[in-house]
C-alpha cells in the first residue's frame, strides 16, 4: 500500500531537547478505489475569535485539498473541533456552525465532533481542527437518509 506524508516535521517546537515534533501536517493512504486523508490538529491563534479561527482553518483546509490533494471539502467525512472551555458558549458554537455552512453543503455535510478542552498547545489558539476525508477515484454517489421520528 502507498502512503504520502504531507509536510513532515513542519511544526515548530520550543524545546532545548527536541528539534522537530516527529509528526506531519497530514497523511494520505492510497487504496484501489480511493484515498484516505487525515490532517493533524490545525490551529491559527492570530485571529481574535473562535469563528475567525475556524474560517482561517477551513480556508487553509480548502486550499490544501484543492491545490495539494486534487480534492475538495466535499470529500471531508469527519471534523473534530477542539474549543477552549473558557470561550465555548452556545453563541460561539452557533458562530462555528455558521462558518461551517460557508464550506460544507448538503448532501456532503461531514460527521462532526465538537469538544470543549481546558487548554490548547498554541498560545492564543481558541480552536484546533482535525480533518478526515475519503477521496474517491470516481466521484461521489451520495444518498441522504432521515432517522425515524426525526420530524417529530
C-alpha atoms as a PDB file:
ATOM      1  CA  UNK A   1       0.000   0.000   0.000  1.00  0.00           C
ATOM      2  CA  UNK A   2       1.195   3.510  -0.782  1.00  0.00           C
ATOM      3  CA  UNK A   3       1.349   6.345   1.772  1.00  0.00           C
ATOM      4  CA  UNK A   4       2.017  10.044   1.195  1.00  0.00           C
ATOM      5  CA  UNK A   5       3.198  12.168   4.107  1.00  0.00           C
ATOM      6  CA  UNK A   6       2.318  15.865   3.882  1.00  0.00           C
ATOM      7  CA  UNK A   7       4.791  18.412   5.269  1.00  0.00           C
ATOM      8  CA  UNK A   8       6.686  16.113   7.655  1.00  0.00           C
ATOM      9  CA  UNK A   9       8.160  17.785  10.709  1.00  0.00           C
ATOM     10  CA  UNK A  10       6.576  21.100   9.690  1.00  0.00           C
ATOM     11  CA  UNK A  11       5.655  22.149  13.221  1.00  0.00           C
ATOM     12  CA  UNK A  12       7.946  24.301  15.297  1.00  0.00           C
ATOM     13  CA  UNK A  13       8.565  23.219  18.840  1.00  0.00           C
ATOM     14  CA  UNK A  14      10.091  25.239  21.638  1.00  0.00           C
ATOM     15  CA  UNK A  15      12.447  22.730  23.216  1.00  0.00           C
ATOM     16  CA  UNK A  16      16.092  22.512  24.114  1.00  0.00           C
ATOM     17  CA  UNK A  17      15.975  18.744  23.606  1.00  0.00           C
ATOM     18  CA  UNK A  18      13.801  18.256  20.502  1.00  0.00           C
ATOM     19  CA  UNK A  19      14.382  19.764  17.085  1.00  0.00           C
ATOM     20  CA  UNK A  20      11.128  18.568  15.495  1.00  0.00           C
ATOM     21  CA  UNK A  21       7.722  17.260  16.504  1.00  0.00           C
ATOM     22  CA  UNK A  22       8.267  13.946  14.652  1.00  0.00           C
ATOM     23  CA  UNK A  23       4.874  14.446  13.019  1.00  0.00           C
ATOM     24  CA  UNK A  24       3.400  15.725   9.790  1.00  0.00           C
ATOM     25  CA  UNK A  25       0.623  18.019   8.670  1.00  0.00           C
ATOM     26  CA  UNK A  26      -1.188  15.016   7.297  1.00  0.00           C
ATOM     27  CA  UNK A  27      -1.096  11.552   5.795  1.00  0.00           C
ATOM     28  CA  UNK A  28      -2.729  10.143   2.688  1.00  0.00           C
ATOM     29  CA  UNK A  29      -3.141   6.403   2.262  1.00  0.00           C
ATOM     30  CA  UNK A  30      -3.763   5.202  -1.277  1.00  0.00           C
ATOM     31  CA  UNK A  31      -6.298   2.440  -1.926  1.00  0.00           C
ATOM     32  CA  UNK A  32      -7.509   0.873  -5.166  1.00  0.00           C
ATOM     33  CA  UNK A  33     -10.734   2.900  -5.304  1.00  0.00           C
ATOM     34  CA  UNK A  34      -9.954   5.935  -3.130  1.00  0.00           C
ATOM     35  CA  UNK A  35      -7.534   7.857  -0.939  1.00  0.00           C
ATOM     36  CA  UNK A  36      -7.927   8.331   2.816  1.00  0.00           C
ATOM     37  CA  UNK A  37      -6.726  11.693   4.159  1.00  0.00           C
ATOM     38  CA  UNK A  38      -6.064  12.717   7.752  1.00  0.00           C
ATOM     39  CA  UNK A  39      -4.939  16.237   8.613  1.00  0.00           C
ATOM     40  CA  UNK A  40      -3.401  16.780  12.039  1.00  0.00           C
ATOM     41  CA  UNK A  41      -4.858  19.163  14.564  1.00  0.00           C
ATOM     42  CA  UNK A  42      -4.579  22.599  12.989  1.00  0.00           C
ATOM     43  CA  UNK A  43      -4.657  25.889  14.885  1.00  0.00           C
ATOM     44  CA  UNK A  44      -4.385  29.557  13.920  1.00  0.00           C
ATOM     45  CA  UNK A  45      -4.013  31.708  17.046  1.00  0.00           C
ATOM     46  CA  UNK A  46      -3.550  35.005  15.150  1.00  0.00           C
ATOM     47  CA  UNK A  47      -7.320  35.539  14.738  1.00  0.00           C
ATOM     48  CA  UNK A  48      -9.284  37.068  17.626  1.00  0.00           C
ATOM     49  CA  UNK A  49     -12.414  34.902  17.794  1.00  0.00           C
ATOM     50  CA  UNK A  50     -13.156  31.196  17.584  1.00  0.00           C
ATOM     51  CA  UNK A  51     -15.287  31.764  14.459  1.00  0.00           C
ATOM     52  CA  UNK A  52     -12.478  33.714  12.742  1.00  0.00           C
ATOM     53  CA  UNK A  53     -10.012  30.969  13.627  1.00  0.00           C
ATOM     54  CA  UNK A  54     -12.365  28.329  12.191  1.00  0.00           C
ATOM     55  CA  UNK A  55     -12.753  30.370   8.985  1.00  0.00           C
ATOM     56  CA  UNK A  56      -8.964  30.667   8.597  1.00  0.00           C
ATOM     57  CA  UNK A  57      -8.523  26.946   9.259  1.00  0.00           C
ATOM     58  CA  UNK A  58     -11.233  25.925   6.766  1.00  0.00           C
ATOM     59  CA  UNK A  59      -9.732  28.293   4.168  1.00  0.00           C
ATOM     60  CA  UNK A  60      -6.402  26.527   4.683  1.00  0.00           C
ATOM     61  CA  UNK A  61      -8.010  23.067   4.509  1.00  0.00           C
ATOM     62  CA  UNK A  62      -9.797  24.057   1.280  1.00  0.00           C
ATOM     63  CA  UNK A  63      -6.505  25.252  -0.187  1.00  0.00           C
ATOM     64  CA  UNK A  64      -4.668  22.043   0.784  1.00  0.00           C
ATOM     65  CA  UNK A  65      -7.457  19.882  -0.615  1.00  0.00           C
ATOM     66  CA  UNK A  66      -7.723  21.758  -3.907  1.00  0.00           C
ATOM     67  CA  UNK A  67      -4.092  22.624  -4.621  1.00  0.00           C
ATOM     68  CA  UNK A  68      -2.208  19.734  -2.999  1.00  0.00           C
ATOM     69  CA  UNK A  69      -4.588  16.776  -2.859  1.00  0.00           C
ATOM     70  CA  UNK A  70      -6.684  17.254  -6.035  1.00  0.00           C
ATOM     71  CA  UNK A  71      -9.786  17.031  -3.843  1.00  0.00           C
ATOM     72  CA  UNK A  72     -12.467  19.301  -2.362  1.00  0.00           C
ATOM     73  CA  UNK A  73     -14.048  19.828   1.028  1.00  0.00           C
ATOM     74  CA  UNK A  74     -16.920  17.662  -0.272  1.00  0.00           C
ATOM     75  CA  UNK A  75     -14.515  14.778   0.402  1.00  0.00           C
ATOM     76  CA  UNK A  76     -14.304  15.587   4.128  1.00  0.00           C
ATOM     77  CA  UNK A  77     -16.031  12.833   6.088  1.00  0.00           C
ATOM     78  CA  UNK A  78     -15.337  13.917   9.679  1.00  0.00           C
ATOM     79  CA  UNK A  79     -14.258  17.052  11.500  1.00  0.00           C
ATOM     80  CA  UNK A  80     -13.218  17.332  15.125  1.00  0.00           C
ATOM     81  CA  UNK A  81     -13.227  20.812  16.648  1.00  0.00           C
ATOM     82  CA  UNK A  82     -11.437  21.250  19.967  1.00  0.00           C
ATOM     83  CA  UNK A  83     -12.610  24.522  21.518  1.00  0.00           C
ATOM     84  CA  UNK A  84     -11.244  26.052  24.697  1.00  0.00           C
ATOM     85  CA  UNK A  85     -13.769  25.759  27.532  1.00  0.00           C
ATOM     86  CA  UNK A  86     -13.363  29.416  28.518  1.00  0.00           C
ATOM     87  CA  UNK A  87     -14.722  30.565  25.132  1.00  0.00           C
ATOM     88  CA  UNK A  88     -17.168  27.744  24.401  1.00  0.00           C
ATOM     89  CA  UNK A  89     -20.668  29.202  24.698  1.00  0.00           C
ATOM     90  CA  UNK A  90     -23.845  28.491  22.768  1.00  0.00           C
ATOM     91  CA  UNK A  91     -23.175  31.693  20.760  1.00  0.00           C
ATOM     92  CA  UNK A  92     -19.658  30.519  19.856  1.00  0.00           C
ATOM     93  CA  UNK A  93     -20.982  27.092  18.909  1.00  0.00           C
ATOM     94  CA  UNK A  94     -23.592  28.747  16.666  1.00  0.00           C
ATOM     95  CA  UNK A  95     -20.935  31.012  15.104  1.00  0.00           C
ATOM     96  CA  UNK A  96     -18.739  27.989  14.321  1.00  0.00           C
ATOM     97  CA  UNK A  97     -21.700  26.271  12.637  1.00  0.00           C
ATOM     98  CA  UNK A  98     -22.412  29.421  10.612  1.00  0.00           C
ATOM     99  CA  UNK A  99     -18.829  29.365   9.325  1.00  0.00           C
ATOM    100  CA  UNK A 100     -19.126  25.637   8.560  1.00  0.00           C
ATOM    101  CA  UNK A 101     -22.102  26.427   6.295  1.00  0.00           C
ATOM    102  CA  UNK A 102     -19.775  28.546   4.128  1.00  0.00           C
ATOM    103  CA  UNK A 103     -17.644  25.457   3.394  1.00  0.00           C
ATOM    104  CA  UNK A 104     -19.862  22.384   3.676  1.00  0.00           C
ATOM    105  CA  UNK A 105     -23.181  21.893   1.922  1.00  0.00           C
ATOM    106  CA  UNK A 106     -25.760  19.161   1.583  1.00  0.00           C
ATOM    107  CA  UNK A 107     -25.516  16.400   0.694  1.00  0.00           C
ATOM    108  CA  UNK A 108     -21.839  16.450   1.703  1.00  0.00           C
ATOM    109  CA  UNK A 109     -22.131  17.507   5.359  1.00  0.00           C
ATOM    110  CA  UNK A 110     -19.362  15.659   7.240  1.00  0.00           C
ATOM    111  CA  UNK A 111     -19.907  13.997  10.573  1.00  0.00           C
ATOM    112  CA  UNK A 112     -18.563  16.313  13.239  1.00  0.00           C
ATOM    113  CA  UNK A 113     -17.453  16.355  16.849  1.00  0.00           C
ATOM    114  CA  UNK A 114     -17.010  19.482  18.964  1.00  0.00           C
ATOM    115  CA  UNK A 115     -15.110  19.011  22.211  1.00  0.00           C
ATOM    116  CA  UNK A 116     -14.504  21.527  24.973  1.00  0.00           C
ATOM    117  CA  UNK A 117     -10.940  21.427  26.292  1.00  0.00           C
ATOM    118  CA  UNK A 118      -9.167  23.304  29.060  1.00  0.00           C
ATOM    119  CA  UNK A 119      -6.097  24.253  27.007  1.00  0.00           C
ATOM    120  CA  UNK A 120      -4.641  24.010  23.507  1.00  0.00           C
ATOM    121  CA  UNK A 121      -0.939  23.657  22.709  1.00  0.00           C
ATOM    122  CA  UNK A 122      -0.531  27.017  20.932  1.00  0.00           C
ATOM    123  CA  UNK A 123      -0.900  30.197  22.969  1.00  0.00           C
ATOM    124  CA  UNK A 124      -3.836  32.219  21.689  1.00  0.00           C
ATOM    125  CA  UNK A 125      -5.465  29.274  19.933  1.00  0.00           C
ATOM    126  CA  UNK A 126      -9.161  29.079  20.728  1.00  0.00           C
ATOM    127  CA  UNK A 127      -9.881  26.224  18.305  1.00  0.00           C
ATOM    128  CA  UNK A 128      -7.965  23.263  16.942  1.00  0.00           C
ATOM    129  CA  UNK A 129      -9.333  21.339  13.965  1.00  0.00           C
ATOM    130  CA  UNK A 130      -8.649  17.777  12.847  1.00  0.00           C
ATOM    131  CA  UNK A 131      -9.914  16.539   9.459  1.00  0.00           C
ATOM    132  CA  UNK A 132     -10.589  13.115   7.989  1.00  0.00           C
ATOM    133  CA  UNK A 133     -11.552  12.629   4.341  1.00  0.00           C
ATOM    134  CA  UNK A 134     -12.132   9.980   1.720  1.00  0.00           C
ATOM    135  CA  UNK A 135     -11.348  10.977  -1.855  1.00  0.00           C
ATOM    136  CA  UNK A 136     -12.996   8.553  -4.306  1.00  0.00           C
ATOM    137  CA  UNK A 137     -11.344   7.928  -7.665  1.00  0.00           C
ATOM    138  CA  UNK A 138     -14.678   8.142  -9.493  1.00  0.00           C
ATOM    139  CA  UNK A 139     -16.571  10.830  -7.575  1.00  0.00           C
ATOM    140  CA  UNK A 140     -19.415  10.525  -5.107  1.00  0.00           C
ATOM    141  CA  UNK A 141     -22.809   8.854  -5.316  1.00  0.00           C
ATOM    142  CA  UNK A 142     -24.465  10.398  -2.257  1.00  0.00           C
ATOM    143  CA  UNK A 143     -27.626   9.276  -0.525  1.00  0.00           C
ATOM    144  CA  UNK A 144     -29.055  11.053   2.492  1.00  0.00           C
ATOM    145  CA  UNK A 145     -31.357   9.334   4.963  1.00  0.00           C
ATOM    146  CA  UNK A 146     -33.567  10.645   7.728  1.00  0.00           C
ATOM    147  CA  UNK A 147     -33.805   8.985  11.101  1.00  0.00           C
ATOM    148  CA  UNK A 148     -37.197   7.617  12.124  1.00  0.00           C
ATOM    149  CA  UNK A 149     -39.101  10.181  14.147  1.00  0.00           C
ATOM    150  CA  UNK A 150     -36.678  12.994  13.242  1.00  0.00           C
ATOM    151  CA  UNK A 151     -39.540  15.189  12.022  1.00  0.00           C
ATOM    152  CA  UNK A 152     -41.489  14.944  15.291  1.00  0.00           C
END
